[in-house]
Amino acid sequence: MAHDVAIIGCGRVGLPLALAFADHGLRTLGIDNDAARLGAVREGRMPFEEPGAPEVLERVRSAGTIDWTDRVADAVQARSIVITLGTPSHSHIEIDLSHIRAVLDDLMPVLSAGQTLVLRSTIAPGTTDFVAGYIEKHRGLVAGSDVFVAHVPERIAAGRFFAEIGTLPCIVGGVGEASGEHAAELFEALGAPIVQTTPIEAELAKIWTNILRYATFALPNRLMVECEQYGANVFEVIELINRDYPRGGIALPGMTAGTCLRKDFTFSEERSNAPGMLLAVSRVNESVPLFLVEGLKRRLGSLRDRKVAVLGLAFKADTDDERDSLSHKLIRLLERELADVAVHDPLVATPTQSFEQAILDADAVVVATNHSCFRGPGTLRAVADSAKAGAVVADPWNTFEQGEIFGEAQALVAARAS
C-alpha cells in the first residue's frame, strides 16, 4: 500500500497526530474536507496554534513522509485508518453518530481485508462494537479476523500534544485480541506505553477522564456562588480548605467549558441509571457566565449603555481555541442586558479590539480566559488607569491577583499600594 496510515479529519486532534506519525517515519495521508485547512498545510502553515507543530510540519514536508487529500475513499491506500472526527451530541441528550456513519459509508466500497480501523475521538460506550458490526453488516468483513477495529482514545491536553504523545499511556481497546495487536503496532511508533483493554473499557476511560475534570471544576464554581450568597471570599475559603490539609485540593473557580468537557458527560448521561447527576454538574459550570453578569448588576445597577470589556474568547488559557467557549455565552448575556461589549483576545483568530481599546472608559472588566498575558497586578493597574472611576473587575480566575471575584479596580490597586 502507498501509505502506512491515513488520518480522516485533520483538525486539532487529527492534524498533530498525522504530523507525529509522519515525523516518526510512517508514510502518512491526511484527509480533510476543509479546503482552507488543506491549503494551509500544503503551504507549510499550521491552521491553528499547537506548540511545536510548525517545526514538525516543516520536517515532514522536507522528508516527504506526508500527503494530503480531500477524498475519504483515498484511505484505501493505507494499511491503517484513523478516524478523528467531531463527535457531537443532539440536544435531546442523544449521541450523534452521523459523522462517523458518513465516513463509514464512504469507506465501505473500498475497505480491504487486512486493514486496521481506529476510532480516535471521544465516542459513546458501544460505538466501537457498532462500527465493527456496521462493517460486517454492509461488507461481510468480520472484525478481529478480516479487518481490525479498535478505539485508541485521545487524552492529550490542548496545546500539549507533542509534549504528551510519547509519554501518556496509550489505551487500546480492540475488538478481539488481533485488533488490539494491530492498533498497538501502529501507535507503538510514537513511543508511549501501550495499555490493552476492551473497547467498552477504553470508551469509558476516555469519557470519565473528562467527566472527572468537569465535575472537579464544578465544585469550586458552586462554592463561588455560595460565597457570594453569604458575603464570603471564595479564594480565602479555598485557602482554608487546602492549607496543610492532606485531604484538601479543591481547585480555583473559572469558566469551565471546551469541546471535550462541555459535551462529553452526555456520552454517559444518555443511558445513565442516575439521571440528572451529571446534568447538575453541567448546570453549575454553565451558570458561571450568568453569575458574573448578575454580580455586575448587583454592583453597578443596570448594565444598559454600560461598557463592559471581556478579556478572552478562548475556552482555555494560552490557546487560540474558541470551540464551546463560555466567553461567547457571557457576551450574549451582556448584550441582552443592552451593555456595550468590548472584547479583547490576542490569541484567537476572531478579530477583537486591542487591550487598550477594550478597557478604555470601561464600566466593568470581566476576565473570561486566564491567558498568561493577562496575569499579574500590572494588568489590573492598567485597567485602573484606563477604566472609569469605580469600574468593577470580575475575575473568577484570580488572574489579576486581586483576591476577590468582584472588586473596584482603582480601590484594589490602592489597597495593594498601601
Protein backbone atom coordinates (compact mmCIF):
# COMPACT_ATOMS: atom_id res chain seq x y z
CA MET A 1 0.00 0.00 0.00
CA ALA A 2 1.14 3.55 -0.72
CA HIS A 3 0.74 4.72 2.89
CA ASP A 4 1.19 3.25 6.35
CA VAL A 5 -1.60 5.30 7.92
CA ALA A 6 -4.42 7.61 6.83
CA ILE A 7 -5.90 10.17 9.23
CA ILE A 8 -9.50 11.10 8.43
CA GLY A 9 -10.16 14.50 9.95
CA CYS A 10 -7.19 16.86 10.26
CA GLY A 11 -8.49 19.18 12.95
CA ARG A 12 -6.98 19.83 16.36
CA VAL A 13 -6.85 16.11 17.15
CA GLY A 14 -6.10 14.62 13.76
CA LEU A 15 -3.56 17.04 12.32
CA PRO A 16 -1.00 16.81 15.15
CA LEU A 17 -1.43 13.02 15.11
CA ALA A 18 -0.79 12.90 11.36
CA LEU A 19 2.32 15.04 11.79
CA ALA A 20 3.56 12.82 14.62
CA PHE A 21 3.18 9.63 12.58
CA ALA A 22 4.93 11.24 9.61
CA ASP A 23 7.69 12.57 11.87
CA HIS A 24 8.32 9.02 13.10
CA GLY A 25 8.84 7.82 9.54
CA LEU A 26 5.38 6.44 8.72
CA ARG A 27 4.10 7.24 5.25
CA THR A 28 1.05 9.29 6.24
CA LEU A 29 -2.02 10.52 4.37
CA GLY A 30 -4.01 13.39 5.88
CA ILE A 31 -7.66 13.56 4.78
CA ASP A 32 -9.94 16.55 5.37
CA ASN A 33 -12.80 18.26 3.53
CA ASP A 34 -11.78 21.77 4.64
CA ALA A 35 -10.10 23.31 1.59
CA ALA A 36 -8.60 26.20 3.56
CA ARG A 37 -7.05 23.82 6.09
CA LEU A 38 -5.56 21.60 3.38
CA GLY A 39 -4.30 24.66 1.55
CA ALA A 40 -2.53 25.88 4.68
CA VAL A 41 -0.71 22.63 5.46
CA ARG A 42 0.26 22.14 1.83
CA GLU A 43 1.93 25.55 2.01
CA GLY A 44 3.61 24.66 5.31
CA ARG A 45 1.34 26.74 7.56
CA MET A 46 -0.48 25.47 10.63
CA PRO A 47 -4.19 26.42 10.55
CA PHE A 48 -4.26 26.74 14.36
CA GLU A 49 -1.88 27.07 17.29
CA GLU A 50 -0.18 23.92 18.58
CA PRO A 51 3.24 24.31 20.22
CA GLY A 52 5.92 22.51 18.24
CA ALA A 53 3.69 21.75 15.27
CA PRO A 54 5.14 24.26 12.76
CA GLU A 55 8.60 22.74 13.14
CA VAL A 56 7.25 19.20 12.72
CA LEU A 57 5.21 20.24 9.69
CA GLU A 58 8.34 21.66 8.06
CA ARG A 59 10.30 18.47 8.80
CA VAL A 60 7.74 16.08 7.35
CA ARG A 61 7.26 18.24 4.26
CA SER A 62 11.00 18.19 3.69
CA ALA A 63 11.15 14.43 4.32
CA GLY A 64 8.21 13.76 2.01
CA THR A 65 6.51 11.47 4.55
CA ILE A 66 3.07 13.13 4.38
CA ASP A 67 0.48 13.67 1.65
CA TRP A 68 -2.92 15.37 1.72
CA THR A 69 -6.29 14.72 0.09
CA ASP A 70 -9.95 15.66 0.48
CA ARG A 71 -11.28 12.24 -0.53
CA VAL A 72 -12.17 9.76 2.24
CA ALA A 73 -12.02 6.92 -0.28
CA ASP A 74 -8.28 7.58 -0.72
CA ALA A 75 -7.82 5.94 2.68
CA VAL A 76 -7.85 2.65 0.77
CA GLN A 77 -4.18 3.42 0.08
CA ALA A 78 -3.27 2.98 3.77
CA ARG A 79 -2.71 -0.12 5.87
CA SER A 80 -4.25 1.63 8.90
CA ILE A 81 -7.05 4.21 9.01
CA VAL A 82 -7.58 6.52 11.99
CA ILE A 83 -10.87 8.44 12.29
CA THR A 84 -10.59 11.72 14.23
CA LEU A 85 -13.92 13.42 13.59
CA GLY A 86 -16.04 15.63 15.76
CA THR A 87 -18.41 13.65 17.96
CA PRO A 88 -21.36 15.90 18.81
CA SER A 89 -24.48 15.14 20.78
CA HIS A 90 -28.04 16.04 19.90
CA SER A 91 -29.99 18.48 22.06
CA HIS A 92 -32.06 15.56 23.38
CA ILE A 93 -29.04 14.08 25.24
CA GLU A 94 -28.55 11.63 22.42
CA ILE A 95 -25.25 10.78 20.75
CA ASP A 96 -24.88 11.88 17.12
CA LEU A 97 -23.16 9.20 15.04
CA SER A 98 -23.85 10.87 11.69
CA HIS A 99 -20.24 11.98 11.07
CA ILE A 100 -18.87 8.51 11.79
CA ARG A 101 -21.55 6.81 9.72
CA ALA A 102 -20.91 9.15 6.79
CA VAL A 103 -17.22 8.23 6.78
CA LEU A 104 -18.00 4.53 7.13
CA ASP A 105 -20.34 4.77 4.15
CA ASP A 106 -17.54 6.35 2.11
CA LEU A 107 -15.14 3.62 3.22
CA MET A 108 -17.45 0.65 2.69
CA PRO A 109 -16.84 0.22 -1.06
CA VAL A 110 -13.04 0.44 -0.71
CA LEU A 111 -12.26 -1.15 2.67
CA SER A 112 -9.98 -4.14 2.23
CA ALA A 113 -9.37 -7.27 4.25
CA GLY A 114 -6.36 -6.81 6.47
CA GLN A 115 -6.85 -3.08 7.08
CA THR A 116 -6.97 -1.62 10.60
CA LEU A 117 -9.63 0.96 11.51
CA VAL A 118 -9.03 3.04 14.66
CA LEU A 119 -11.53 5.39 16.32
CA ARG A 120 -9.54 8.17 17.99
CA SER A 121 -12.14 10.77 19.02
CA THR A 122 -14.39 10.50 22.06
CA ILE A 123 -17.26 8.09 21.45
CA ALA A 124 -20.19 6.74 23.41
CA PRO A 125 -19.95 3.32 25.07
CA GLY A 126 -20.66 0.64 22.49
CA THR A 127 -19.65 2.70 19.43
CA THR A 128 -16.56 0.62 18.62
CA ASP A 129 -18.67 -2.54 18.56
CA PHE A 130 -21.26 -0.67 16.48
CA VAL A 131 -18.58 0.19 13.90
CA ALA A 132 -17.39 -3.43 13.82
CA GLY A 133 -20.97 -4.62 13.33
CA TYR A 134 -21.65 -1.98 10.68
CA ILE A 135 -18.67 -3.16 8.64
CA GLU A 136 -19.71 -6.80 8.96
CA LYS A 137 -23.32 -6.00 8.07
CA HIS A 138 -22.51 -3.99 4.96
CA ARG A 139 -19.31 -5.68 3.75
CA GLY A 140 -19.26 -9.08 5.42
CA LEU A 141 -15.81 -8.35 6.92
CA VAL A 142 -15.50 -9.68 10.49
CA ALA A 143 -13.62 -7.52 12.99
CA GLY A 144 -10.72 -9.36 14.57
CA SER A 145 -10.10 -11.66 11.63
CA ASP A 146 -10.88 -9.98 8.28
CA VAL A 147 -10.36 -6.39 9.43
CA PHE A 148 -9.16 -4.94 12.72
CA VAL A 149 -11.19 -2.38 14.66
CA ALA A 150 -10.13 -0.57 17.84
CA HIS A 151 -10.71 2.52 19.97
CA VAL A 152 -7.49 4.33 20.89
CA PRO A 153 -8.79 7.42 22.71
CA GLU A 154 -7.11 10.83 22.53
CA ARG A 155 -6.39 12.05 26.08
CA ILE A 156 -3.84 14.79 25.40
CA ALA A 157 -4.49 18.29 26.76
CA ALA A 158 -4.99 21.17 24.35
CA GLY A 159 -1.66 22.73 23.48
CA ARG A 160 0.38 19.83 24.84
CA PHE A 161 0.25 17.29 22.01
CA PHE A 162 3.95 16.97 21.26
CA ALA A 163 4.84 17.07 24.96
CA GLU A 164 2.49 14.19 25.83
CA ILE A 165 2.06 11.97 22.76
CA GLY A 166 5.17 9.93 23.56
CA THR A 167 4.66 9.69 27.32
CA LEU A 168 0.96 9.34 28.22
CA PRO A 169 -0.13 5.69 28.40
CA CYS A 170 -1.86 4.80 25.13
CA ILE A 171 -5.11 2.93 25.81
CA VAL A 172 -6.00 0.40 23.10
CA GLY A 173 -9.43 -1.23 23.09
CA GLY A 174 -9.52 -3.74 20.26
CA VAL A 175 -12.47 -5.80 19.01
CA GLY A 176 -10.73 -9.09 19.64
CA GLU A 177 -7.10 -9.72 20.51
CA ALA A 178 -5.83 -9.36 16.95
CA SER A 179 -7.44 -5.92 16.59
CA GLY A 180 -5.72 -4.76 19.75
CA GLU A 181 -2.37 -6.04 18.49
CA HIS A 182 -2.69 -4.30 15.10
CA ALA A 183 -3.73 -0.98 16.65
CA ALA A 184 -0.94 -1.23 19.23
CA GLU A 185 1.62 -1.86 16.49
CA LEU A 186 0.57 1.40 14.82
CA PHE A 187 0.74 3.56 17.96
CA GLU A 188 3.91 1.97 19.33
CA ALA A 189 5.75 4.00 16.70
CA LEU A 190 5.05 7.12 18.77
CA GLY A 191 6.86 5.74 21.82
CA ALA A 192 4.18 5.80 24.53
CA PRO A 193 3.50 2.72 26.68
CA ILE A 194 0.57 0.65 25.41
CA VAL A 195 -2.25 -0.50 27.69
CA GLN A 196 -4.50 -3.18 26.16
CA THR A 197 -8.14 -3.40 27.22
CA THR A 198 -11.62 -3.97 25.77
CA PRO A 199 -13.40 -1.42 23.56
CA ILE A 200 -16.04 -0.64 26.20
CA GLU A 201 -13.43 -0.03 28.89
CA ALA A 202 -11.41 2.19 26.56
CA GLU A 203 -14.54 4.20 25.76
CA LEU A 204 -15.48 4.57 29.43
CA ALA A 205 -11.93 5.50 30.43
CA LYS A 206 -11.88 8.37 27.95
CA ILE A 207 -15.35 9.65 28.81
CA TRP A 208 -14.77 9.54 32.54
CA THR A 209 -11.37 11.18 32.28
CA ASN A 210 -13.22 14.24 31.03
CA ILE A 211 -16.19 13.84 33.38
CA LEU A 212 -13.80 13.75 36.34
CA ARG A 213 -12.31 17.10 35.35
CA TYR A 214 -15.71 18.61 34.56
CA ALA A 215 -17.12 17.59 37.94
CA THR A 216 -13.95 18.62 39.77
CA PHE A 217 -14.19 22.15 38.37
CA ALA A 218 -17.90 22.38 39.18
CA LEU A 219 -17.18 22.21 42.92
CA PRO A 220 -15.24 25.49 43.20
CA ASN A 221 -17.73 27.13 40.84
CA ARG A 222 -20.58 26.11 43.12
CA LEU A 223 -18.56 27.31 46.12
CA MET A 224 -18.02 30.66 44.37
CA VAL A 225 -21.78 31.14 44.05
CA GLU A 226 -22.35 30.19 47.68
CA CYS A 227 -19.64 32.56 48.89
CA GLU A 228 -21.35 35.40 47.00
CA GLN A 229 -24.61 34.41 48.70
CA TYR A 230 -23.08 34.69 52.17
CA GLY A 231 -20.67 37.57 51.54
CA ALA A 232 -17.60 35.38 51.90
CA ASN A 233 -14.37 35.43 49.87
CA VAL A 234 -14.10 32.25 47.83
CA PHE A 235 -10.33 32.49 47.49
CA GLU A 236 -9.91 32.71 51.25
CA VAL A 237 -12.26 29.76 51.77
CA ILE A 238 -10.30 27.69 49.24
CA GLU A 239 -7.07 28.62 51.00
CA LEU A 240 -8.58 27.43 54.30
CA ILE A 241 -9.66 24.14 52.72
CA ASN A 242 -6.29 23.42 51.12
CA ARG A 243 -3.70 24.82 53.53
CA ASP A 244 -1.61 21.98 55.00
CA TYR A 245 -4.59 19.64 54.85
CA PRO A 246 -3.93 16.14 53.49
CA ARG A 247 -7.47 15.79 52.13
CA GLY A 248 -7.76 19.25 50.56
CA GLY A 249 -7.04 20.02 46.94
CA ILE A 250 -10.09 21.94 45.72
CA ALA A 251 -9.34 23.88 42.54
CA LEU A 252 -9.95 27.55 41.80
CA PRO A 253 -13.18 28.65 40.09
CA GLY A 254 -13.37 29.67 36.45
CA MET A 255 -15.22 29.36 33.15
CA THR A 256 -15.21 25.60 32.59
CA ALA A 257 -16.04 24.54 29.04
CA GLY A 258 -14.36 23.43 25.80
CA THR A 259 -15.31 20.82 23.23
CA CYS A 260 -14.43 17.87 25.46
CA LEU A 261 -15.53 18.83 28.97
CA ARG A 262 -18.71 20.61 27.97
CA LYS A 263 -20.28 17.77 25.97
CA ASP A 264 -18.66 14.50 26.98
CA PHE A 265 -20.83 14.00 30.06
CA THR A 266 -23.72 13.38 27.65
CA PHE A 267 -21.99 10.21 26.42
CA SER A 268 -22.69 8.79 29.89
CA GLU A 269 -25.91 10.67 30.65
CA GLU A 270 -27.61 9.29 27.51
CA ARG A 271 -28.17 5.91 29.22
CA SER A 272 -27.49 6.79 32.84
CA ASN A 273 -29.13 4.89 35.69
CA ALA A 274 -28.63 8.02 37.80
CA PRO A 275 -30.16 10.65 35.52
CA GLY A 276 -29.51 14.23 36.49
CA MET A 277 -26.26 13.88 38.43
CA LEU A 278 -24.03 14.93 35.54
CA LEU A 279 -26.64 17.35 34.26
CA ALA A 280 -26.35 19.11 37.63
CA VAL A 281 -22.58 19.35 37.13
CA SER A 282 -23.21 20.88 33.72
CA ARG A 283 -25.74 23.33 35.13
CA VAL A 284 -23.21 24.58 37.68
CA ASN A 285 -20.48 25.19 35.10
CA GLU A 286 -22.90 26.63 32.54
CA SER A 287 -24.25 29.10 35.13
CA VAL A 288 -20.94 30.90 35.66
CA PRO A 289 -21.47 33.50 32.88
CA LEU A 290 -24.89 34.40 34.32
CA PHE A 291 -23.37 34.54 37.82
CA LEU A 292 -20.83 37.09 36.57
CA VAL A 293 -23.48 39.19 34.81
CA GLU A 294 -25.75 39.20 37.86
CA GLY A 295 -22.77 40.08 40.06
CA LEU A 296 -22.02 43.10 37.90
CA LYS A 297 -25.65 44.19 38.05
CA ARG A 298 -25.66 43.97 41.84
CA ARG A 299 -22.69 46.32 41.94
CA LEU A 300 -23.41 48.66 39.02
CA GLY A 301 -27.18 48.54 38.66
CA SER A 302 -28.50 48.37 35.12
CA LEU A 303 -25.91 47.44 32.51
CA ARG A 304 -27.75 49.29 29.77
CA ASP A 305 -25.29 51.50 27.86
CA ARG A 306 -22.51 50.45 30.24
CA LYS A 307 -19.25 49.48 28.60
CA VAL A 308 -18.14 46.00 29.63
CA ALA A 309 -14.74 44.74 28.50
CA VAL A 310 -14.48 40.96 28.12
CA LEU A 311 -10.91 39.68 28.19
CA GLY A 312 -10.55 36.31 26.48
CA LEU A 313 -12.53 34.34 23.91
CA ALA A 314 -10.62 31.03 24.06
CA PHE A 315 -12.01 28.28 26.28
CA LYS A 316 -8.60 27.67 27.87
CA ALA A 317 -5.58 29.74 28.82
CA ASP A 318 -2.90 30.32 26.19
CA THR A 319 -4.73 28.61 23.32
CA ASP A 320 -6.49 30.03 20.25
CA ASP A 321 -9.35 27.52 20.53
CA GLU A 322 -12.77 29.15 20.87
CA ARG A 323 -14.82 25.98 20.42
CA ASP A 324 -17.57 25.75 23.05
CA SER A 325 -16.03 28.61 25.00
CA LEU A 326 -18.33 30.13 27.61
CA SER A 327 -16.98 33.58 26.70
CA HIS A 328 -19.47 33.70 23.84
CA LYS A 329 -22.33 32.89 26.19
CA LEU A 330 -21.13 35.63 28.55
CA ILE A 331 -21.07 38.15 25.69
CA ARG A 332 -24.58 37.20 24.58
CA LEU A 333 -25.92 37.59 28.12
CA LEU A 334 -24.29 41.01 28.43
CA GLU A 335 -25.78 42.08 25.11
CA ARG A 336 -29.22 41.01 26.33
CA GLU A 337 -28.71 43.49 29.18
CA LEU A 338 -28.07 46.15 26.49
CA ALA A 339 -24.48 46.57 27.60
CA ASP A 340 -21.85 47.85 25.17
CA VAL A 341 -19.45 44.90 24.98
CA ALA A 342 -15.80 45.30 24.01
CA VAL A 343 -13.75 42.13 23.50
CA HIS A 344 -10.01 41.51 23.55
CA ASP A 345 -8.14 38.26 22.97
CA PRO A 346 -4.65 38.40 21.41
CA LEU A 347 -4.54 34.69 20.53
CA VAL A 348 -7.77 33.77 18.74
CA ALA A 349 -8.46 34.07 15.02
CA THR A 350 -11.61 36.14 15.59
CA PRO A 351 -10.79 39.84 15.21
CA THR A 352 -11.00 41.68 18.54
CA GLN A 353 -10.10 45.10 19.86
CA SER A 354 -6.73 45.91 21.36
CA PHE A 355 -6.38 45.64 25.11
CA GLU A 356 -6.11 49.43 25.39
CA GLN A 357 -9.25 49.99 23.32
CA ALA A 358 -11.26 47.38 25.21
CA ILE A 359 -10.57 48.71 28.71
CA LEU A 360 -10.69 52.43 27.85
CA ASP A 361 -13.55 54.06 29.79
CA ALA A 362 -14.98 50.66 30.70
CA ASP A 363 -17.55 50.44 33.46
CA ALA A 364 -16.61 46.81 34.07
CA VAL A 365 -13.92 44.36 33.02
CA VAL A 366 -14.52 40.59 33.03
CA VAL A 367 -11.60 38.16 32.82
CA ALA A 368 -13.17 35.35 30.81
CA THR A 369 -9.96 33.48 29.93
CA ASN A 370 -6.88 33.36 32.17
CA HIS A 371 -4.28 33.89 29.44
CA SER A 372 -0.73 34.37 30.72
CA CYS A 373 -0.63 37.84 29.18
CA PHE A 374 -3.47 38.93 31.50
CA ARG A 375 -1.88 37.63 34.69
CA GLY A 376 -0.49 39.70 37.50
CA PRO A 377 -1.10 43.08 39.15
CA GLY A 378 0.30 45.03 36.17
CA THR A 379 -2.79 44.33 34.08
CA LEU A 380 -5.06 45.36 36.95
CA ARG A 381 -3.10 48.60 37.24
CA ALA A 382 -3.62 49.27 33.54
CA VAL A 383 -7.34 48.69 33.98
CA ALA A 384 -7.45 51.08 36.94
CA ASP A 385 -5.69 53.76 34.89
CA SER A 386 -7.89 53.46 31.79
CA ALA A 387 -11.33 52.39 33.01
CA LYS A 388 -13.91 54.73 34.51
CA ALA A 389 -13.77 55.64 38.17
CA GLY A 390 -15.47 52.91 40.19
CA ALA A 391 -15.09 50.36 37.39
CA VAL A 392 -15.81 46.83 38.58
CA VAL A 393 -13.47 43.96 37.80
CA ALA A 394 -14.89 40.42 37.68
CA ASP A 395 -12.04 37.90 37.82
CA PRO A 396 -13.15 34.36 38.73
CA TRP A 397 -9.66 33.00 37.92
CA ASN A 398 -7.88 35.47 40.23
CA THR A 399 -5.79 36.27 37.15
CA PHE A 400 -5.09 39.81 38.37
CA GLU A 401 -4.19 38.51 41.85
CA GLN A 402 -6.88 40.77 43.29
CA GLY A 403 -8.04 38.09 45.71
CA GLU A 404 -11.75 38.78 45.07
CA ILE A 405 -14.21 37.71 42.40
CA PHE A 406 -15.60 41.25 42.17
CA GLY A 407 -13.81 44.44 43.14
CA GLU A 408 -13.37 48.08 42.13
CA ALA A 409 -10.25 48.41 40.01
CA GLN A 410 -8.94 51.67 41.50
CA ALA A 411 -9.66 50.58 45.08
CA LEU A 412 -7.90 47.26 44.54
CA VAL A 413 -4.76 48.96 43.19
CA ALA A 414 -4.80 51.50 46.04
CA ALA A 415 -5.19 48.74 48.64
CA ARG A 416 -2.22 46.87 47.16
CA ALA A 417 -0.07 50.01 47.23
CA SER A 418 -0.85 50.85 50.85
